[in-house]
Amino acid sequence: MERLAMSRLKLVLEQRLLYAHLRRAVRSQGFTITEILVVLIVAGILAAIAGPSVAGFLGQQELDQATSEVQSAILEMQREAQRLNRTCTLKATDLVAGGINRDTTAAPTGNCLLRSRSFARNQITVAQNLSSNVLAYPSGNVYWTGNATQEIRLSSTLTPVQRCVVLARPLGLVRTGTVQSGSCRTSS
């Protein structure tokens, strides 16, 4: 009987040791809730620090793209006026916050653009001082009434930087620049 009791005791001890070993093995697999929270807090702090910088960079890229679209649309209008041998007209209403609309009006009043242009996610604001319609003639020259230059300003909700596109007559030179102290500074 004593032998049976010893045998049972030995079996119980072996089972307890095995159970304790399995519990330790299961516990060491994975992360504790504290470790997970620390990682999440650090990731949140890094995102809060980097977020505005990334948003500003994206806004700057979208603004550069919109400026390029406005410039290319004006140059396309001039080329199409020469190619079609007719006058093309860019109206102030063709420039909207979301992009540049292609005027599908039949000749001779259309803007001759081959396609409309959209700005990124409609976060670009267009402000222009077009005193009248901009006319591109088959000769390549452009004309409008009023100021000797026309200015189109673009800004983004994501960055304080403003860009501008300037047209100068009679040749219709199109230059881009940055708005500084309220006026457009173009690069040569």
Protein backbone atom coordinates (compact mmCIF):
# COMPACT_ATOMS: atom_id res chain seq x y z
CA MET A 1 0.00 0.00 0.00
CA GLU A 2 2.81 2.27 0.82
CA ARG A 3 4.29 1.56 -2.56
CA LEU A 4 1.00 2.45 -4.24
CA ALA A 5 0.83 5.73 -2.34
CA MET A 6 4.40 6.54 -3.34
CA SER A 7 3.64 5.74 -6.94
CA ARG A 8 0.59 7.99 -6.91
CA LEU A 9 2.51 10.78 -5.23
CA LYS A 10 5.24 10.49 -7.85
CA LEU A 11 2.65 10.61 -10.63
CA VAL A 12 0.96 13.69 -9.12
CA LEU A 13 4.31 15.49 -8.78
CA GLU A 14 5.26 14.69 -12.36
CA GLN A 15 1.91 15.99 -13.57
CA ARG A 16 2.32 19.21 -11.56
CA LEU A 17 5.83 19.76 -12.91
CA LEU A 18 4.66 19.14 -16.45
CA TYR A 19 1.70 21.51 -15.97
CA ALA A 20 3.95 24.26 -14.50
CA HIS A 21 6.39 23.86 -17.40
CA LEU A 22 3.57 24.13 -19.96
CA ARG A 23 2.17 27.22 -18.23
CA ARG A 24 5.57 28.94 -18.38
CA ALA A 25 5.95 28.02 -22.05
CA VAL A 26 2.53 29.43 -22.92
CA ARG A 27 3.17 32.60 -20.91
CA SER A 28 6.48 33.30 -22.69
CA GLN A 29 4.84 33.25 -26.14
CA GLY A 30 3.71 36.74 -27.22
CA PHE A 31 3.68 40.17 -25.60
CA THR A 32 2.17 41.49 -22.43
CA ILE A 33 -0.46 44.21 -22.57
CA THR A 34 2.07 46.66 -21.08
CA GLU A 35 4.57 46.03 -23.89
CA ILE A 36 1.87 46.52 -26.50
CA LEU A 37 0.71 49.79 -24.90
CA VAL A 38 4.26 51.16 -24.77
CA VAL A 39 4.76 50.43 -28.48
CA LEU A 40 1.43 52.06 -29.36
CA ILE A 41 2.21 55.18 -27.32
CA VAL A 42 5.64 55.57 -28.94
CA ALA A 43 4.12 55.08 -32.41
CA GLY A 44 1.45 57.69 -31.62
CA ILE A 45 4.04 60.23 -30.50
CA LEU A 46 6.09 59.69 -33.66
CA ALA A 47 2.98 60.06 -35.84
CA ALA A 48 2.03 63.30 -34.05
CA ILE A 49 5.50 64.71 -34.66
CA ALA A 50 5.77 63.62 -38.31
CA GLY A 51 2.14 64.25 -39.35
CA PRO A 52 2.24 68.00 -40.01
CA SER A 53 5.54 67.70 -41.85
CA VAL A 54 4.18 65.01 -44.15
CA ALA A 55 0.95 66.96 -44.73
CA GLY A 56 2.95 70.08 -45.65
CA PHE A 57 5.09 68.10 -48.06
CA LEU A 58 2.03 66.60 -49.73
CA GLY A 59 0.39 70.03 -49.96
CA GLN A 60 3.53 71.44 -51.55
CA GLN A 61 3.58 68.61 -54.12
CA GLU A 62 -0.11 69.11 -54.96
CA LEU A 63 0.43 72.87 -55.32
CA ASP A 64 3.40 72.35 -57.64
CA GLN A 65 1.33 69.94 -59.73
CA ALA A 66 -1.58 72.40 -59.97
CA THR A 67 0.78 75.22 -60.98
CA SER A 68 2.23 73.01 -63.68
CA GLU A 69 -1.29 72.15 -64.91
CA VAL A 70 -2.26 75.83 -65.21
CA GLN A 71 0.94 76.66 -67.06
CA SER A 72 0.59 73.70 -69.43
CA ALA A 73 -3.07 74.56 -70.12
CA ILE A 74 -2.16 78.10 -71.17
CA LEU A 75 0.69 76.89 -73.35
CA GLU A 76 -1.61 74.26 -74.88
CA MET A 77 -4.15 76.96 -75.68
CA GLN A 78 -1.46 78.93 -77.52
CA ARG A 79 -0.29 75.87 -79.48
CA GLU A 80 -3.83 74.87 -80.41
CA ALA A 81 -4.58 78.41 -81.62
CA GLN A 82 -1.63 78.11 -84.00
CA ARG A 83 -2.46 74.54 -85.02
CA LEU A 84 -6.16 75.23 -85.64
CA ASN A 85 -5.42 78.65 -87.16
CA ARG A 86 -8.09 80.30 -85.04
CA THR A 87 -8.41 82.44 -81.94
CA CYS A 88 -8.75 80.56 -78.64
CA THR A 89 -10.21 82.18 -75.54
CA LEU A 90 -9.45 81.43 -71.88
CA LYS A 91 -12.20 82.86 -69.70
CA ALA A 92 -11.92 83.56 -65.98
CA THR A 93 -14.79 81.11 -65.48
CA ASP A 94 -12.67 78.31 -66.99
CA LEU A 95 -10.40 78.49 -63.92
CA VAL A 96 -12.16 76.93 -60.94
CA ALA A 97 -11.04 75.65 -57.53
CA GLY A 98 -11.01 72.04 -58.70
CA GLY A 99 -9.10 72.64 -61.93
CA ILE A 100 -9.40 74.08 -65.41
CA ASN A 101 -12.51 73.32 -67.38
CA ARG A 102 -12.30 72.49 -71.05
CA ASP A 103 -14.68 74.77 -72.92
CA THR A 104 -16.58 72.59 -75.35
CA THR A 105 -18.18 75.59 -77.05
CA ALA A 106 -17.75 75.45 -80.80
CA ALA A 107 -15.35 77.81 -82.57
CA PRO A 108 -14.63 80.68 -82.38
CA THR A 109 -15.28 81.09 -78.62
CA GLY A 110 -13.76 77.93 -77.08
CA ASN A 111 -10.51 77.73 -75.13
CA CYS A 112 -9.11 75.00 -77.41
CA LEU A 113 -7.99 72.80 -74.52
CA LEU A 114 -7.79 69.14 -75.44
CA ARG A 115 -8.79 68.05 -71.93
CA SER A 116 -9.94 69.45 -68.62
CA ARG A 117 -7.45 69.43 -65.77
CA SER A 118 -8.23 68.50 -62.19
CA PHE A 119 -6.30 69.56 -59.14
CA ALA A 120 -5.48 67.13 -56.35
CA ARG A 121 -8.39 66.36 -54.04
CA ASN A 122 -9.91 69.83 -54.55
CA GLN A 123 -7.63 71.32 -51.87
CA ILE A 124 -6.23 73.91 -54.27
CA THR A 125 -7.69 77.41 -54.32
CA VAL A 126 -7.40 79.47 -57.50
CA ALA A 127 -7.40 83.27 -57.29
CA GLN A 128 -6.88 85.22 -60.48
CA ASN A 129 -7.03 88.80 -61.57
CA LEU A 130 -7.98 88.15 -65.17
CA SER A 131 -9.42 91.52 -66.08
CA SER A 132 -10.79 90.07 -69.29
CA ASN A 133 -10.65 86.95 -71.39
CA VAL A 134 -7.19 85.89 -72.52
CA LEU A 135 -7.09 85.51 -76.30
CA ALA A 136 -4.52 83.38 -78.08
CA TYR A 137 -4.18 84.23 -81.76
CA PRO A 138 -3.02 81.95 -84.60
CA SER A 139 0.18 84.02 -84.75
CA GLY A 140 1.06 82.81 -81.24
CA ASN A 141 0.52 86.21 -79.65
CA VAL A 142 -1.90 86.68 -76.78
CA TYR A 143 -4.00 89.67 -75.86
CA TRP A 144 -6.34 90.89 -73.16
CA THR A 145 -7.57 94.29 -72.10
CA GLY A 146 -6.28 95.94 -68.95
CA ASN A 147 -3.00 95.25 -67.17
CA ALA A 148 0.11 94.30 -69.13
CA THR A 149 0.36 91.11 -67.09
CA GLN A 150 -2.25 88.67 -65.85
CA GLU A 151 -1.67 86.71 -62.66
CA ILE A 152 -3.18 83.47 -61.45
CA ARG A 153 -2.47 82.52 -57.82
CA LEU A 154 -2.78 79.05 -56.39
CA SER A 155 -2.80 78.05 -52.74
CA SER A 156 -3.32 74.84 -50.81
CA THR A 157 -5.07 74.19 -47.52
CA LEU A 158 -2.10 72.03 -46.46
CA THR A 159 0.76 74.54 -46.83
CA PRO A 160 1.20 78.29 -46.32
CA VAL A 161 3.18 78.59 -49.59
CA GLN A 162 1.39 80.20 -52.54
CA ARG A 163 2.35 79.75 -56.19
CA CYS A 164 1.57 81.99 -59.14
CA VAL A 165 1.43 81.81 -62.92
CA VAL A 166 2.05 85.08 -64.76
CA LEU A 167 1.18 85.86 -68.38
CA ALA A 168 2.88 88.76 -70.12
CA ARG A 169 1.77 90.21 -73.42
CA PRO A 170 2.16 90.52 -76.37
CA LEU A 171 4.11 87.28 -76.74
CA GLY A 172 2.15 85.44 -74.09
CA LEU A 173 5.15 84.51 -71.98
CA VAL A 174 4.05 82.18 -69.19
CA ARG A 175 6.17 82.05 -66.05
CA THR A 176 5.66 80.51 -62.65
CA GLY A 177 6.78 81.79 -59.30
CA THR A 178 6.10 82.06 -55.60
CA VAL A 179 3.99 84.68 -53.86
CA GLN A 180 6.16 86.62 -51.40
CA SER A 181 5.02 89.66 -49.42
CA GLY A 182 1.83 89.83 -51.45
CA SER A 183 3.43 89.92 -54.89
CA CYS A 184 4.43 87.23 -57.35
CA ARG A 185 8.17 86.63 -57.68
CA THR A 186 8.94 84.69 -60.84
CA SER A 187 12.17 82.96 -61.64
CA SER A 188 13.83 83.90 -64.90
